[in-house]
Amino acid sequence: MAYEKTENYDPKTTADLTKAYKNIITGVNEDSSREGLLKTPERAAKAMQFLTQGYEMDAEKILRSAMFKEDYNKMVIVKDIELYSLCEHHLLPFYGKAHVAYIPDGYIVGLSKIPRIIDVFARRLQVQERLTDQILDAIDNTLKPLGVAVVIEAAHLCMMMRGVQKQNSVTTTSGFKGQFEKVETRNEFLTLVGAKLH
């Protein structure tokens, strides 16, 4: 049985992006008709649509789909969540980990939904600062918890491959709302994020 890949991409968007990527290839003095580059414009067009699919998704709707009434009102942490995004300034990747916590106030959410909403916002043209705030706000607006915390640690290829070319730099951003604005609660979260419990 032959391998068959199923893909769903908008034909017009794919055609427009394919043309644009072909122009980029010829613009850097490459031969777009060369065997290795022949299908590259279309592949890049599909890759860009995949990497920016977050524009078609609704983070709050995803969260609402798995909200459950629960009396639990202690800290819930999902840490070391992989994330991959595109820097909007150079269209180069940045990647790293997100750590998210919330303190429920009547509702909890299915744990898999936290990584899903990170992908919703990461799969857009982004800056790390905005990404942090969007995750924070989506959880706060939907669950109405007693508090939310988000920390993102990421490496940016726009700093590593070009510009200052600092390969070992990591950027950390954070956002805190509600109970996490209290020093003791925030410190508990940061301690647990840094601990190796498994």
Protein backbone atom coordinates (compact mmCIF):
# COMPACT_ATOMS: atom_id res chain seq x y z
CA MET A 1 0.00 0.00 0.00
CA ALA A 2 1.44 3.36 -1.06
CA TYR A 3 1.94 6.17 1.46
CA GLU A 4 -0.65 8.90 1.11
CA LYS A 5 -0.41 12.19 2.96
CA THR A 6 -3.59 14.13 3.68
CA GLU A 7 -3.30 17.91 3.85
CA ASN A 8 -5.88 20.65 3.99
CA TYR A 9 -4.63 23.99 2.75
CA ASP A 10 -6.53 26.83 1.13
CA PRO A 11 -5.74 26.56 -2.61
CA LYS A 12 -5.71 30.33 -3.28
CA THR A 13 -3.54 31.10 -0.25
CA THR A 14 -1.18 28.28 -1.22
CA ALA A 15 -0.92 29.57 -4.79
CA ASP A 16 -0.29 33.17 -3.64
CA LEU A 17 2.35 32.14 -1.11
CA THR A 18 4.00 29.75 -3.59
CA LYS A 19 4.45 32.61 -6.03
CA ALA A 20 5.86 34.83 -3.28
CA TYR A 21 8.36 32.19 -2.13
CA LYS A 22 9.46 31.58 -5.73
CA ASN A 23 10.18 35.31 -5.99
CA ILE A 24 12.20 35.16 -2.77
CA ILE A 25 14.29 32.27 -4.10
CA THR A 26 15.06 34.07 -7.34
CA GLY A 27 15.60 37.28 -5.38
CA VAL A 28 18.55 35.72 -3.53
CA ASN A 29 20.09 34.70 -6.89
CA GLU A 30 19.08 31.04 -6.78
CA ASP A 31 17.66 29.01 -9.63
CA SER A 32 14.07 28.19 -8.67
CA SER A 33 13.93 25.62 -11.49
CA ARG A 34 16.79 23.60 -9.98
CA GLU A 35 15.67 20.09 -8.95
CA GLY A 36 16.19 20.61 -5.23
CA LEU A 37 14.23 23.88 -5.27
CA LEU A 38 11.52 22.97 -7.75
CA LYS A 39 8.89 22.15 -5.12
CA THR A 40 10.32 24.36 -2.37
CA PRO A 41 7.98 27.34 -2.95
CA GLU A 42 4.88 25.17 -2.51
CA ARG A 43 6.36 23.34 0.49
CA ALA A 44 7.26 26.68 2.10
CA ALA A 45 3.76 28.01 1.37
CA LYS A 46 2.19 25.05 3.18
CA ALA A 47 4.68 25.28 6.04
CA MET A 48 3.86 28.97 6.56
CA GLN A 49 0.14 28.18 6.69
CA PHE A 50 0.81 25.47 9.30
CA LEU A 51 3.04 27.77 11.37
CA THR A 52 0.40 30.51 11.40
CA GLN A 53 -2.73 28.38 11.84
CA GLY A 54 -3.35 29.99 15.23
CA TYR A 55 -5.13 32.87 13.49
CA GLU A 56 -7.97 30.43 12.70
CA MET A 57 -8.32 29.21 16.30
CA ASP A 58 -10.17 30.57 19.33
CA ALA A 59 -8.30 29.98 22.62
CA GLU A 60 -11.24 30.85 24.85
CA LYS A 61 -13.52 28.47 22.94
CA ILE A 62 -10.96 25.69 23.41
CA LEU A 63 -10.85 26.35 27.16
CA ARG A 64 -14.64 26.51 27.47
CA SER A 65 -14.92 23.11 25.76
CA ALA A 66 -13.33 21.41 28.78
CA MET A 67 -14.34 23.44 31.85
CA PHE A 68 -15.55 21.47 34.84
CA LYS A 69 -17.07 22.60 38.13
CA GLU A 70 -14.75 21.69 40.97
CA ASP A 71 -14.19 22.97 44.52
CA TYR A 72 -10.40 22.64 44.25
CA ASN A 73 -8.80 26.03 44.96
CA LYS A 74 -5.08 25.30 45.18
CA MET A 75 -2.41 25.95 42.57
CA VAL A 76 -2.48 23.94 39.32
CA ILE A 77 0.76 24.03 37.32
CA VAL A 78 1.53 22.72 33.84
CA LYS A 79 5.22 23.26 33.20
CA ASP A 80 7.84 22.59 30.53
CA ILE A 81 5.32 22.95 27.69
CA GLU A 82 7.22 23.07 24.40
CA LEU A 83 6.46 26.03 22.19
CA TYR A 84 7.51 27.05 18.71
CA SER A 85 6.71 30.40 17.14
CA LEU A 86 7.83 32.88 14.49
CA CYS A 87 9.32 36.24 15.40
CA GLU A 88 7.30 38.89 13.58
CA HIS A 89 10.35 41.08 13.01
CA HIS A 90 12.42 38.65 10.91
CA LEU A 91 10.09 35.65 10.38
CA LEU A 92 12.67 33.47 12.12
CA PRO A 93 11.70 30.89 14.75
CA PHE A 94 11.86 31.23 18.48
CA TYR A 95 11.34 28.19 20.65
CA GLY A 96 11.39 27.16 24.26
CA LYS A 97 9.14 26.26 27.17
CA ALA A 98 6.11 27.76 28.82
CA HIS A 99 5.11 27.28 32.45
CA VAL A 100 1.49 28.04 33.32
CA ALA A 101 -0.34 28.03 36.65
CA TYR A 102 -3.78 29.02 37.84
CA ILE A 103 -5.72 28.88 41.09
CA PRO A 104 -9.28 27.73 40.34
CA ASP A 105 -12.35 29.57 41.62
CA GLY A 106 -15.13 27.09 40.93
CA TYR A 107 -13.86 25.74 37.61
CA ILE A 108 -10.91 23.67 36.47
CA VAL A 109 -9.95 22.97 32.86
CA GLY A 110 -8.81 19.78 31.14
CA LEU A 111 -5.01 19.77 31.40
CA SER A 112 -4.45 19.20 27.66
CA LYS A 113 -6.18 22.51 26.92
CA ILE A 114 -3.34 24.55 28.45
CA PRO A 115 -0.77 23.38 25.84
CA ARG A 116 -3.43 23.79 23.14
CA ILE A 117 -4.00 27.46 23.88
CA ILE A 118 -0.25 28.05 23.94
CA ASP A 119 -0.17 26.68 20.38
CA VAL A 120 -3.10 28.92 19.39
CA PHE A 121 -1.05 32.03 20.15
CA ALA A 122 2.39 30.61 19.29
CA ARG A 123 1.20 29.66 15.80
CA ARG A 124 1.05 33.31 14.78
CA LEU A 125 3.62 35.97 13.95
CA GLN A 126 4.66 36.93 17.45
CA VAL A 127 6.83 38.66 19.97
CA GLN A 128 7.44 36.77 23.19
CA GLU A 129 6.08 39.57 25.36
CA ARG A 130 2.69 39.58 23.60
CA LEU A 131 2.56 35.78 23.55
CA THR A 132 2.95 35.75 27.34
CA ASP A 133 0.13 38.26 27.84
CA GLN A 134 -2.23 36.53 25.41
CA ILE A 135 -1.93 33.19 27.20
CA LEU A 136 -2.40 34.92 30.57
CA ASP A 137 -5.46 36.88 29.42
CA ALA A 138 -7.15 33.90 27.74
CA ILE A 139 -7.01 31.84 30.93
CA ASP A 140 -8.03 34.78 33.12
CA ASN A 141 -10.96 35.82 30.90
CA THR A 142 -12.32 32.30 30.49
CA LEU A 143 -11.82 30.49 33.80
CA LYS A 144 -12.08 33.59 36.02
CA PRO A 145 -9.59 32.00 38.44
CA LEU A 146 -8.24 33.45 41.66
CA GLY A 147 -4.94 33.95 39.89
CA VAL A 148 -2.92 33.10 36.76
CA ALA A 149 0.83 32.94 36.12
CA VAL A 150 2.74 32.46 32.87
CA VAL A 151 6.51 32.25 32.39
CA ILE A 152 8.11 31.66 28.98
CA GLU A 153 11.78 30.87 28.39
CA ALA A 154 12.80 30.96 24.73
CA ALA A 155 15.76 31.07 22.38
CA HIS A 156 15.40 33.36 19.36
CA LEU A 157 17.05 32.47 16.07
CA CYS A 158 16.96 36.15 15.06
CA MET A 159 19.57 36.66 17.81
CA MET A 160 21.39 33.37 17.24
CA MET A 161 21.71 33.22 13.43
CA ARG A 162 21.95 36.92 12.58
CA GLY A 163 22.42 40.25 14.32
CA VAL A 164 24.40 39.83 17.53
CA GLN A 165 24.77 36.04 16.97
CA LYS A 166 24.60 35.07 20.64
CA GLN A 167 23.91 31.33 20.58
CA ASN A 168 23.46 30.77 24.31
CA SER A 169 21.08 33.57 25.18
CA VAL A 170 17.61 32.81 26.54
CA THR A 171 14.81 35.35 26.93
CA THR A 172 12.43 35.01 29.88
CA THR A 173 9.08 36.79 30.09
CA SER A 174 6.45 36.53 32.81
CA GLY A 175 2.95 37.64 33.63
CA PHE A 176 0.99 37.40 36.88
CA LYS A 177 -2.61 38.17 37.80
CA GLY A 178 -4.68 37.91 40.96
CA GLN A 179 -3.18 35.83 43.76
CA PHE A 180 0.10 35.51 41.85
CA GLU A 181 0.69 39.22 42.32
CA LYS A 182 1.38 38.35 45.97
CA VAL A 183 5.07 37.68 46.55
CA GLU A 184 4.58 34.45 48.50
CA THR A 185 2.27 32.88 45.88
CA ARG A 186 4.51 33.96 43.01
CA ASN A 187 7.59 32.57 44.80
CA GLU A 188 5.85 29.23 45.41
CA PHE A 189 5.06 29.01 41.68
CA LEU A 190 8.61 29.91 40.63
CA THR A 191 10.08 27.41 43.09
CA LEU A 192 7.85 24.61 41.78
CA VAL A 193 8.68 25.50 38.17
CA GLY A 194 12.38 25.23 38.94
CA ALA A 195 12.07 21.98 40.92
CA LYS A 196 12.72 18.57 39.38
CA LEU A 197 9.90 16.58 40.94
CA HIS A 198 9.77 13.74 38.41
